[in-house]
Amino acid sequence: MSVNIDEIDNCAHLARLDLDSKSRQAIREKTANTLEMSEELFQVDTAGVAPMFNPVAGSQFLRPDEVKAKQPSKELQQCAPEIENGCYIVPSVI
């Protein structure tokens, strides 16, 4: 797939990049090479190839969502400087 300088200029404009002619040409060549390699990958016949194993998908077991014992809030709030109606009182920040 060919990439022309106008497309590089458009992308550079969208990305707010100021490129000189040497940089534009280098980016055009690298982009064209990358697109050519991706076209080669799409031409490979993968009909008989099994998908790769995903180690995260098989080992990410989630625990069941169960109600556990409540935390003793009165004991936890003993170290707080001020408590009112079971809530922590904090200084206002403006």
PDB file of N, CA and C in Angstrom:
ATOM      1  N   MET A   1       0.855  -1.180   0.000  1.00  0.00           N
ATOM      2  CA  MET A   1       0.000   0.000   0.000  1.00  0.00           C
ATOM      3  C   MET A   1       0.893   1.232   0.000  1.00  0.00           C
ATOM      4  N   SER A   2       0.600   2.139  -0.864  1.00  0.00           N
ATOM      5  CA  SER A   2       1.414   3.345  -0.939  1.00  0.00           C
ATOM      6  C   SER A   2       0.822   4.442  -0.050  1.00  0.00           C
ATOM      7  N   VAL A   3       1.701   5.211   0.496  1.00  0.00           N
ATOM      8  CA  VAL A   3       1.313   6.345   1.329  1.00  0.00           C
ATOM      9  C   VAL A   3       1.958   7.570   0.702  1.00  0.00           C
ATOM     10  N   ASN A   4       1.155   8.591   0.453  1.00  0.00           N
ATOM     11  CA  ASN A   4       1.742   9.779  -0.162  1.00  0.00           C
ATOM     12  C   ASN A   4       1.994  10.864   0.897  1.00  0.00           C
ATOM     13  N   ILE A   5       2.717  11.848   0.495  1.00  0.00           N
ATOM     14  CA  ILE A   5       3.113  12.930   1.407  1.00  0.00           C
ATOM     15  C   ILE A   5       1.898  13.706   1.905  1.00  0.00           C
ATOM     16  N   ASP A   6       0.863  13.831   1.072  1.00  0.00           N
ATOM     17  CA  ASP A   6      -0.339  14.557   1.503  1.00  0.00           C
ATOM     18  C   ASP A   6      -0.991  13.874   2.709  1.00  0.00           C
ATOM     19  N   GLU A   7      -0.995  12.553   2.707  1.00  0.00           N
ATOM     20  CA  GLU A   7      -1.561  11.822   3.853  1.00  0.00           C
ATOM     21  C   GLU A   7      -0.717  12.015   5.104  1.00  0.00           C
ATOM     22  N   ILE A   8       0.588  12.030   4.929  1.00  0.00           N
ATOM     23  CA  ILE A   8       1.481  12.285   6.067  1.00  0.00           C
ATOM     24  C   ILE A   8       1.267  13.704   6.577  1.00  0.00           C
ATOM     25  N   ASP A   9       1.130  14.663   5.667  1.00  0.00           N
ATOM     26  CA  ASP A   9       0.882  16.051   6.074  1.00  0.00           C
ATOM     27  C   ASP A   9      -0.442  16.174   6.829  1.00  0.00           C
ATOM     28  N   ASN A  10      -1.467  15.470   6.365  1.00  0.00           N
ATOM     29  CA  ASN A  10      -2.768  15.516   7.029  1.00  0.00           C
ATOM     30  C   ASN A  10      -2.666  14.947   8.448  1.00  0.00           C
ATOM     31  N   CYS A  11      -2.004  13.799   8.587  1.00  0.00           N
ATOM     32  CA  CYS A  11      -1.829  13.205   9.923  1.00  0.00           C
ATOM     33  C   CYS A  11      -0.996  14.116  10.818  1.00  0.00           C
ATOM     34  N   ALA A  12       0.039  14.716  10.268  1.00  0.00           N
ATOM     35  CA  ALA A  12       0.875  15.626  11.048  1.00  0.00           C
ATOM     36  C   ALA A  12       0.073  16.839  11.500  1.00  0.00           C
ATOM     37  N   HIS A  13      -0.796  17.329  10.627  1.00  0.00           N
ATOM     38  CA  HIS A  13      -1.646  18.463  10.983  1.00  0.00           C
ATOM     39  C   HIS A  13      -2.590  18.085  12.122  1.00  0.00           C
ATOM     40  N   LEU A  14      -3.213  16.890  12.011  1.00  0.00           N
ATOM     41  CA  LEU A  14      -4.134  16.447  13.059  1.00  0.00           C
ATOM     42  C   LEU A  14      -3.417  16.252  14.400  1.00  0.00           C
ATOM     43  N   ALA A  15      -2.157  15.803  14.331  1.00  0.00           N
ATOM     44  CA  ALA A  15      -1.371  15.583  15.548  1.00  0.00           C
ATOM     45  C   ALA A  15      -0.635  16.844  15.991  1.00  0.00           C
ATOM     46  N   ARG A  16      -0.840  17.925  15.265  1.00  0.00           N
ATOM     47  CA  ARG A  16      -0.189  19.215  15.556  1.00  0.00           C
ATOM     48  C   ARG A  16       1.341  19.082  15.561  1.00  0.00           C
ATOM     49  N   LEU A  17       1.848  18.371  14.534  1.00  0.00           N
ATOM     50  CA  LEU A  17       3.291  18.195  14.390  1.00  0.00           C
ATOM     51  C   LEU A  17       3.790  19.070  13.253  1.00  0.00           C
ATOM     52  N   ASP A  18       4.921  19.686  13.460  1.00  0.00           N
ATOM     53  CA  ASP A  18       5.550  20.487  12.417  1.00  0.00           C
ATOM     54  C   ASP A  18       6.740  19.685  11.899  1.00  0.00           C
ATOM     55  N   LEU A  19       6.576  19.071  10.718  1.00  0.00           N
ATOM     56  CA  LEU A  19       7.605  18.194  10.178  1.00  0.00           C
ATOM     57  C   LEU A  19       8.308  18.858   9.008  1.00  0.00           C
ATOM     58  N   ASP A  20       9.625  18.678   8.956  1.00  0.00           N
ATOM     59  CA  ASP A  20      10.355  19.148   7.790  1.00  0.00           C
ATOM     60  C   ASP A  20      10.264  18.078   6.697  1.00  0.00           C
ATOM     61  N   SER A  21      10.742  18.391   5.513  1.00  0.00           N
ATOM     62  CA  SER A  21      10.577  17.479   4.370  1.00  0.00           C
ATOM     63  C   SER A  21      11.319  16.159   4.587  1.00  0.00           C
ATOM     64  N   LYS A  22      12.460  16.200   5.251  1.00  0.00           N
ATOM     65  CA  LYS A  22      13.226  14.974   5.505  1.00  0.00           C
ATOM     66  C   LYS A  22      12.456  14.054   6.457  1.00  0.00           C
ATOM     67  N   SER A  23      11.872  14.614   7.496  1.00  0.00           N
ATOM     68  CA  SER A  23      11.091  13.824   8.452  1.00  0.00           C
ATOM     69  C   SER A  23       9.834  13.268   7.797  1.00  0.00           C
ATOM     70  N   ARG A  24       9.175  14.074   6.982  1.00  0.00           N
ATOM     71  CA  ARG A  24       7.957  13.612   6.294  1.00  0.00           C
ATOM     72  C   ARG A  24       8.262  12.422   5.400  1.00  0.00           C
ATOM     73  N   GLN A  25       9.378  12.482   4.693  1.00  0.00           N
ATOM     74  CA  GLN A  25       9.761  11.389   3.799  1.00  0.00           C
ATOM     75  C   GLN A  25      10.100  10.133   4.603  1.00  0.00           C
ATOM     76  N   ALA A  26      10.805  10.288   5.705  1.00  0.00           N
ATOM     77  CA  ALA A  26      11.163   9.133   6.541  1.00  0.00           C
ATOM     78  C   ALA A  26       9.909   8.485   7.129  1.00  0.00           C
ATOM     79  N   ILE A  27       8.979   9.290   7.588  1.00  0.00           N
ATOM     80  CA  ILE A  27       7.733   8.761   8.149  1.00  0.00           C
ATOM     81  C   ILE A  27       6.909   8.084   7.064  1.00  0.00           C
ATOM     82  N   ARG A  28       6.896   8.652   5.857  1.00  0.00           N
ATOM     83  CA  ARG A  28       6.169   8.042   4.747  1.00  0.00           C
ATOM     84  C   ARG A  28       6.715   6.661   4.433  1.00  0.00           C
ATOM     85  N   GLU A  29       8.048   6.535   4.385  1.00  0.00           N
ATOM     86  CA  GLU A  29       8.677   5.249   4.081  1.00  0.00           C
ATOM     87  C   GLU A  29       8.395   4.220   5.178  1.00  0.00           C
ATOM     88  N   LYS A  30       8.513   4.626   6.439  1.00  0.00           N
ATOM     89  CA  LYS A  30       8.265   3.698   7.547  1.00  0.00           C
ATOM     90  C   LYS A  30       6.805   3.264   7.583  1.00  0.00           C
ATOM     91  N   THR A  31       5.907   4.191   7.328  1.00  0.00           N
ATOM     92  CA  THR A  31       4.479   3.860   7.324  1.00  0.00           C
ATOM     93  C   THR A  31       4.163   2.904   6.176  1.00  0.00           C
ATOM     94  N   ALA A  32       4.716   3.166   5.008  1.00  0.00           N
ATOM     95  CA  ALA A  32       4.490   2.283   3.854  1.00  0.00           C
ATOM     96  C   ALA A  32       5.031   0.885   4.137  1.00  0.00           C
ATOM     97  N   ASN A  33       6.213   0.790   4.746  1.00  0.00           N
ATOM     98  CA  ASN A  33       6.792  -0.517   5.084  1.00  0.00           C
ATOM     99  C   ASN A  33       5.909  -1.266   6.079  1.00  0.00           C
ATOM    100  N   THR A  34       5.404  -0.567   7.064  1.00  0.00           N
ATOM    101  CA  THR A  34       4.542  -1.193   8.069  1.00  0.00           C
ATOM    102  C   THR A  34       3.257  -1.705   7.434  1.00  0.00           C
ATOM    103  N   LEU A  35       2.663  -0.919   6.557  1.00  0.00           N
ATOM    104  CA  LEU A  35       1.432  -1.341   5.886  1.00  0.00           C
ATOM    105  C   LEU A  35       1.682  -2.522   4.946  1.00  0.00           C
ATOM    106  N   GLU A  36       2.833  -2.552   4.286  1.00  0.00           N
ATOM    107  CA  GLU A  36       3.168  -3.679   3.425  1.00  0.00           C
ATOM    108  C   GLU A  36       3.323  -4.962   4.244  1.00  0.00           C
ATOM    109  N   MET A  37       3.970  -4.866   5.401  1.00  0.00           N
ATOM    110  CA  MET A  37       4.124  -6.044   6.256  1.00  0.00           C
ATOM    111  C   MET A  37       2.764  -6.536   6.749  1.00  0.00           C
ATOM    112  N   SER A  38       1.866  -5.625   7.092  1.00  0.00           N
ATOM    113  CA  SER A  38       0.545  -6.049   7.557  1.00  0.00           C
ATOM    114  C   SER A  38      -0.238  -6.705   6.431  1.00  0.00           C
ATOM    115  N   GLU A  39      -0.069  -6.240   5.192  1.00  0.00           N
ATOM    116  CA  GLU A  39      -0.727  -6.881   4.053  1.00  0.00           C
ATOM    117  C   GLU A  39      -0.207  -8.296   3.859  1.00  0.00           C
ATOM    118  N   GLU A  40       1.087  -8.506   4.064  1.00  0.00           N
ATOM    119  CA  GLU A  40       1.650  -9.853   3.965  1.00  0.00           C
ATOM    120  C   GLU A  40       1.043 -10.775   5.021  1.00  0.00           C
ATOM    121  N   LEU A  41       0.827 -10.263   6.220  1.00  0.00           N
ATOM    122  CA  LEU A  41       0.239 -11.087   7.283  1.00  0.00           C
ATOM    123  C   LEU A  41      -1.186 -11.496   6.949  1.00  0.00           C
ATOM    124  N   PHE A  42      -1.937 -10.621   6.286  1.00  0.00           N
ATOM    125  CA  PHE A  42      -3.312 -10.942   5.934  1.00  0.00           C
ATOM    126  C   PHE A  42      -3.371 -12.005   4.840  1.00  0.00           C
ATOM    127  N   GLN A  43      -2.309 -12.180   4.078  1.00  0.00           N
ATOM    128  CA  GLN A  43      -2.291 -13.169   3.006  1.00  0.00           C
ATOM    129  C   GLN A  43      -1.940 -14.568   3.503  1.00  0.00           C
ATOM    130  N   VAL A  44      -1.480 -14.716   4.712  1.00  0.00           N
ATOM    131  CA  VAL A  44      -1.098 -16.018   5.252  1.00  0.00           C
ATOM    132  C   VAL A  44      -2.350 -16.826   5.544  1.00  0.00           C
ATOM    133  N   ASP A  45      -2.348 -18.098   5.105  1.00  0.00           N
ATOM    134  CA  ASP A  45      -3.484 -18.987   5.335  1.00  0.00           C
ATOM    135  C   ASP A  45      -3.398 -19.532   6.768  1.00  0.00           C
ATOM    136  N   THR A  46      -4.346 -19.151   7.590  1.00  0.00           N
ATOM    137  CA  THR A  46      -4.361 -19.589   8.996  1.00  0.00           C
ATOM    138  C   THR A  46      -5.555 -20.483   9.285  1.00  0.00           C
ATOM    139  N   ALA A  47      -6.099 -21.115   8.252  1.00  0.00           N
ATOM    140  CA  ALA A  47      -7.307 -21.929   8.421  1.00  0.00           C
ATOM    141  C   ALA A  47      -7.081 -23.094   9.380  1.00  0.00           C
ATOM    142  N   GLY A  48      -5.944 -23.764   9.319  1.00  0.00           N
ATOM    143  CA  GLY A  48      -5.710 -24.928  10.174  1.00  0.00           C
ATOM    144  C   GLY A  48      -4.953 -24.626  11.453  1.00  0.00           C
ATOM    145  N   VAL A  49      -4.722 -23.382  11.752  1.00  0.00           N
ATOM    146  CA  VAL A  49      -3.937 -23.006  12.925  1.00  0.00           C
ATOM    147  C   VAL A  49      -4.867 -22.790  14.109  1.00  0.00           C
ATOM    148  N   ALA A  50      -4.584 -23.501  15.179  1.00  0.00           N
ATOM    149  CA  ALA A  50      -5.401 -23.354  16.389  1.00  0.00           C
ATOM    150  C   ALA A  50      -5.071 -22.033  17.069  1.00  0.00           C
ATOM    151  N   PRO A  51      -6.058 -21.411  17.695  1.00  0.00           N
ATOM    152  CA  PRO A  51      -5.767 -20.157  18.404  1.00  0.00           C
ATOM    153  C   PRO A  51      -4.803 -20.388  19.555  1.00  0.00           C
ATOM    154  N   MET A  52      -4.062 -19.349  19.877  1.00  0.00           N
ATOM    155  CA  MET A  52      -3.103 -19.447  20.985  1.00  0.00           C
ATOM    156  C   MET A  52      -3.836 -19.502  22.308  1.00  0.00           C
ATOM    157  N   PHE A  53      -3.216 -20.148  23.259  1.00  0.00           N
ATOM    158  CA  PHE A  53      -3.769 -20.206  24.603  1.00  0.00           C
ATOM    159  C   PHE A  53      -3.541 -18.874  25.296  1.00  0.00           C
ATOM    160  N   ASN A  54      -4.556 -18.383  25.933  1.00  0.00           N
ATOM    161  CA  ASN A  54      -4.432 -17.143  26.687  1.00  0.00           C
ATOM    162  C   ASN A  54      -4.260 -17.502  28.156  1.00  0.00           C
ATOM    163  N   PRO A  55      -3.068 -17.307  28.723  1.00  0.00           N
ATOM    164  CA  PRO A  55      -2.838 -17.727  30.101  1.00  0.00           C
ATOM    165  C   PRO A  55      -3.662 -16.939  31.111  1.00  0.00           C
ATOM    166  N   VAL A  56      -4.068 -15.742  30.778  1.00  0.00           N
ATOM    167  CA  VAL A  56      -4.838 -14.937  31.726  1.00  0.00           C
ATOM    168  C   VAL A  56      -6.275 -15.438  31.805  1.00  0.00           C
ATOM    169  N   ALA A  57      -6.850 -15.797  30.658  1.00  0.00           N
ATOM    170  CA  ALA A  57      -8.255 -16.191  30.623  1.00  0.00           C
ATOM    171  C   ALA A  57      -8.511 -17.454  31.439  1.00  0.00           C
ATOM    172  N   GLY A  58      -7.592 -18.414  31.398  1.00  0.00           N
ATOM    173  CA  GLY A  58      -7.807 -19.666  32.110  1.00  0.00           C
ATOM    174  C   GLY A  58      -7.468 -19.605  33.576  1.00  0.00           C
ATOM    175  N   SER A  59      -6.666 -18.659  33.997  1.00  0.00           N
ATOM    176  CA  SER A  59      -6.204 -18.656  35.387  1.00  0.00           C
ATOM    177  C   SER A  59      -6.820 -17.537  36.219  1.00  0.00           C
ATOM    178  N   GLN A  60      -7.735 -16.805  35.664  1.00  0.00           N
ATOM    179  CA  GLN A  60      -8.305 -15.688  36.394  1.00  0.00           C
ATOM    180  C   GLN A  60      -9.650 -16.113  36.974  1.00  0.00           C
ATOM    181  N   PHE A  61      -9.560 -16.828  38.068  1.00  0.00           N
ATOM    182  CA  PHE A  61     -10.764 -17.314  38.712  1.00  0.00           C
ATOM    183  C   PHE A  61     -11.235 -16.281  39.727  1.00  0.00           C
ATOM    184  N   LEU A  62     -12.486 -15.937  39.651  1.00  0.00           N
ATOM    185  CA  LEU A  62     -13.050 -14.950  40.561  1.00  0.00           C
ATOM    186  C   LEU A  62     -13.729 -15.659  41.718  1.00  0.00           C
ATOM    187  N   ARG A  63     -13.591 -15.106  42.868  1.00  0.00           N
ATOM    188  CA  ARG A  63     -14.243 -15.702  44.032  1.00  0.00           C
ATOM    189  C   ARG A  63     -15.733 -15.406  43.965  1.00  0.00           C
ATOM    190  N   PRO A  64     -16.539 -16.259  44.561  1.00  0.00           N
ATOM    191  CA  PRO A  64     -17.975 -15.981  44.569  1.00  0.00           C
ATOM    192  C   PRO A  64     -18.273 -14.750  45.418  1.00  0.00           C
ATOM    193  N   ASP A  65     -19.277 -14.031  45.012  1.00  0.00           N
ATOM    194  CA  ASP A  65     -19.667 -12.817  45.709  1.00  0.00           C
ATOM    195  C   ASP A  65     -20.542 -13.209  46.898  1.00  0.00           C
ATOM    196  N   GLU A  66     -19.915 -13.272  48.063  1.00  0.00           N
ATOM    197  CA  GLU A  66     -20.619 -13.692  49.269  1.00  0.00           C
ATOM    198  C   GLU A  66     -20.555 -12.588  50.313  1.00  0.00           C
ATOM    199  N   VAL A  67     -21.602 -12.514  51.114  1.00  0.00           N
ATOM    200  CA  VAL A  67     -21.624 -11.557  52.213  1.00  0.00           C
ATOM    201  C   VAL A  67     -20.730 -12.098  53.320  1.00  0.00           C
ATOM    202  N   LYS A  68     -19.811 -11.279  53.752  1.00  0.00           N
ATOM    203  CA  LYS A  68     -18.902 -11.677  54.839  1.00  0.00           C
ATOM    204  C   LYS A  68     -19.312 -10.935  56.105  1.00  0.00           C
ATOM    205  N   ALA A  69     -18.676 -11.269  57.186  1.00  0.00           N
ATOM    206  CA  ALA A  69     -18.978 -10.621  58.456  1.00  0.00           C
ATOM    207  C   ALA A  69     -18.695  -9.123  58.351  1.00  0.00           C
ATOM    208  N   LYS A  70     -19.550  -8.326  58.955  1.00  0.00           N
ATOM    209  CA  LYS A  70     -19.362  -6.874  58.932  1.00  0.00           C
ATOM    210  C   LYS A  70     -18.168  -6.493  59.790  1.00  0.00           C
ATOM    211  N   GLN A  71     -17.540  -5.402  59.391  1.00  0.00           N
ATOM    212  CA  GLN A  71     -16.450  -4.866  60.199  1.00  0.00           C
ATOM    213  C   GLN A  71     -17.049  -4.177  61.414  1.00  0.00           C
ATOM    214  N   PRO A  72     -16.473  -4.363  62.556  1.00  0.00           N
ATOM    215  CA  PRO A  72     -16.986  -3.674  63.756  1.00  0.00           C
ATOM    216  C   PRO A  72     -16.654  -2.184  63.681  1.00  0.00           C
ATOM    217  N   SER A  73     -17.599  -1.394  63.175  1.00  0.00           N
ATOM    218  CA  SER A  73     -17.322   0.024  62.922  1.00  0.00           C
ATOM    219  C   SER A  73     -17.005   0.788  64.196  1.00  0.00           C
ATOM    220  N   LYS A  74     -17.657   0.468  65.280  1.00  0.00           N
ATOM    221  CA  LYS A  74     -17.370   1.199  66.517  1.00  0.00           C
ATOM    222  C   LYS A  74     -15.918   0.987  66.952  1.00  0.00           C
ATOM    223  N   GLU A  75     -15.423  -0.236  66.800  1.00  0.00           N
ATOM    224  CA  GLU A  75     -14.029  -0.502  67.160  1.00  0.00           C
ATOM    225  C   GLU A  75     -13.074   0.190  66.191  1.00  0.00           C
ATOM    226  N   LEU A  76     -13.425   0.216  64.914  1.00  0.00           N
ATOM    227  CA  LEU A  76     -12.561   0.861  63.925  1.00  0.00           C
ATOM    228  C   LEU A  76     -12.544   2.381  64.092  1.00  0.00           C
ATOM    229  N   GLN A  77     -13.630   2.949  64.580  1.00  0.00           N
ATOM    230  CA  GLN A  77     -13.718   4.400  64.714  1.00  0.00           C
ATOM    231  C   GLN A  77     -13.148   4.911  66.037  1.00  0.00           C
ATOM    232  N   GLN A  78     -12.663   4.043  66.868  1.00  0.00           N
ATOM    233  CA  GLN A  78     -12.115   4.483  68.157  1.00  0.00           C
ATOM    234  C   GLN A  78     -10.892   5.381  67.984  1.00  0.00           C
ATOM    235  N   CYS A  79     -10.139   5.185  66.914  1.00  0.00           N
ATOM    236  CA  CYS A  79      -8.929   5.999  66.722  1.00  0.00           C
ATOM    237  C   CYS A  79      -9.221   7.326  66.012  1.00  0.00           C
ATOM    238  N   ALA A  80     -10.456   7.543  65.565  1.00  0.00           N
ATOM    239  CA  ALA A  80     -10.799   8.779  64.859  1.00  0.00           C
ATOM    240  C   ALA A  80     -10.925   9.930  65.840  1.00  0.00           C
ATOM    241  N   PRO A  81     -10.484  11.139  65.463  1.00  0.00           N
ATOM    242  CA  PRO A  81     -10.570  12.277  66.375  1.00  0.00           C
ATOM    243  C   PRO A  81     -12.017  12.683  66.665  1.00  0.00           C
ATOM    244  N   GLU A  82     -12.902  12.660  65.649  1.00  0.00           N
ATOM    245  CA  GLU A  82     -14.302  13.051  65.862  1.00  0.00           C
ATOM    246  C   GLU A  82     -15.219  12.127  65.083  1.00  0.00           C
ATOM    247  N   ILE A  83     -16.304  11.706  65.732  1.00  0.00           N
ATOM    248  CA  ILE A  83     -17.321  10.846  65.120  1.00  0.00           C
ATOM    249  C   ILE A  83     -18.678  11.430  65.478  1.00  0.00           C
ATOM    250  N   GLU A  84     -19.586  11.445  64.489  1.00  0.00           N
ATOM    251  CA  GLU A  84     -20.956  11.891  64.758  1.00  0.00           C
ATOM    252  C   GLU A  84     -21.913  10.999  63.972  1.00  0.00           C
ATOM    253  N   ASN A  85     -22.837  10.365  64.659  1.00  0.00           N
ATOM    254  CA  ASN A  85     -23.812   9.451  64.046  1.00  0.00           C
ATOM    255  C   ASN A  85     -23.139   8.357  63.214  1.00  0.00           C
ATOM    256  N   GLY A  86     -22.015   7.849  63.682  1.00  0.00           N
ATOM    257  CA  GLY A  86     -21.309   6.781  62.985  1.00  0.00           C
ATOM    258  C   GLY A  86     -20.490   7.246  61.799  1.00  0.00           C
ATOM    259  N   CYS A  87     -20.359   8.553  61.606  1.00  0.00           N
ATOM    260  CA  CYS A  87     -19.593   9.096  60.473  1.00  0.00           C
ATOM    261  C   CYS A  87     -18.370   9.839  60.981  1.00  0.00           C
ATOM    262  N   TYR A  88     -17.305   9.811  60.187  1.00  0.00           N
ATOM    263  CA  TYR A  88     -16.096  10.546  60.525  1.00  0.00           C
ATOM    264  C   TYR A  88     -16.319  12.031  60.253  1.00  0.00           C
ATOM    265  N   ILE A  89     -15.905  12.873  61.170  1.00  0.00           N
ATOM    266  CA  ILE A  89     -15.986  14.325  60.994  1.00  0.00           C
ATOM    267  C   ILE A  89     -14.595  14.793  60.569  1.00  0.00           C
ATOM    268  N   VAL A  90     -14.548  15.472  59.420  1.00  0.00           N
ATOM    269  CA  VAL A  90     -13.290  15.984  58.901  1.00  0.00           C
ATOM    270  C   VAL A  90     -13.384  17.492  58.711  1.00  0.00           C
ATOM    271  N   PRO A  91     -12.272  18.193  58.786  1.00  0.00           N
ATOM    272  CA  PRO A  91     -12.327  19.633  58.580  1.00  0.00           C
ATOM    273  C   PRO A  91     -12.729  19.972  57.143  1.00  0.00           C
ATOM    274  N   SER A  92     -13.472  21.047  56.980  1.00  0.00           N
ATOM    275  CA  SER A  92     -13.904  21.453  55.646  1.00  0.00           C
ATOM    276  C   SER A  92     -12.727  22.027  54.873  1.00  0.00           C
ATOM    277  N   VAL A  93     -12.702  21.763  53.604  1.00  0.00           N
ATOM    278  CA  VAL A  93     -11.640  22.259  52.729  1.00  0.00           C
ATOM    279  C   VAL A  93     -12.303  23.094  51.651  1.00  0.00           C
ATOM    280  N   ILE A  94     -11.844  24.314  51.517  1.00  0.00           N
ATOM    281  CA  ILE A  94     -12.430  25.218  50.524  1.00  0.00           C
ATOM    282  C   ILE A  94     -11.430  25.466  49.430  1.00  0.00           C
TER     283      ILE A  94
END
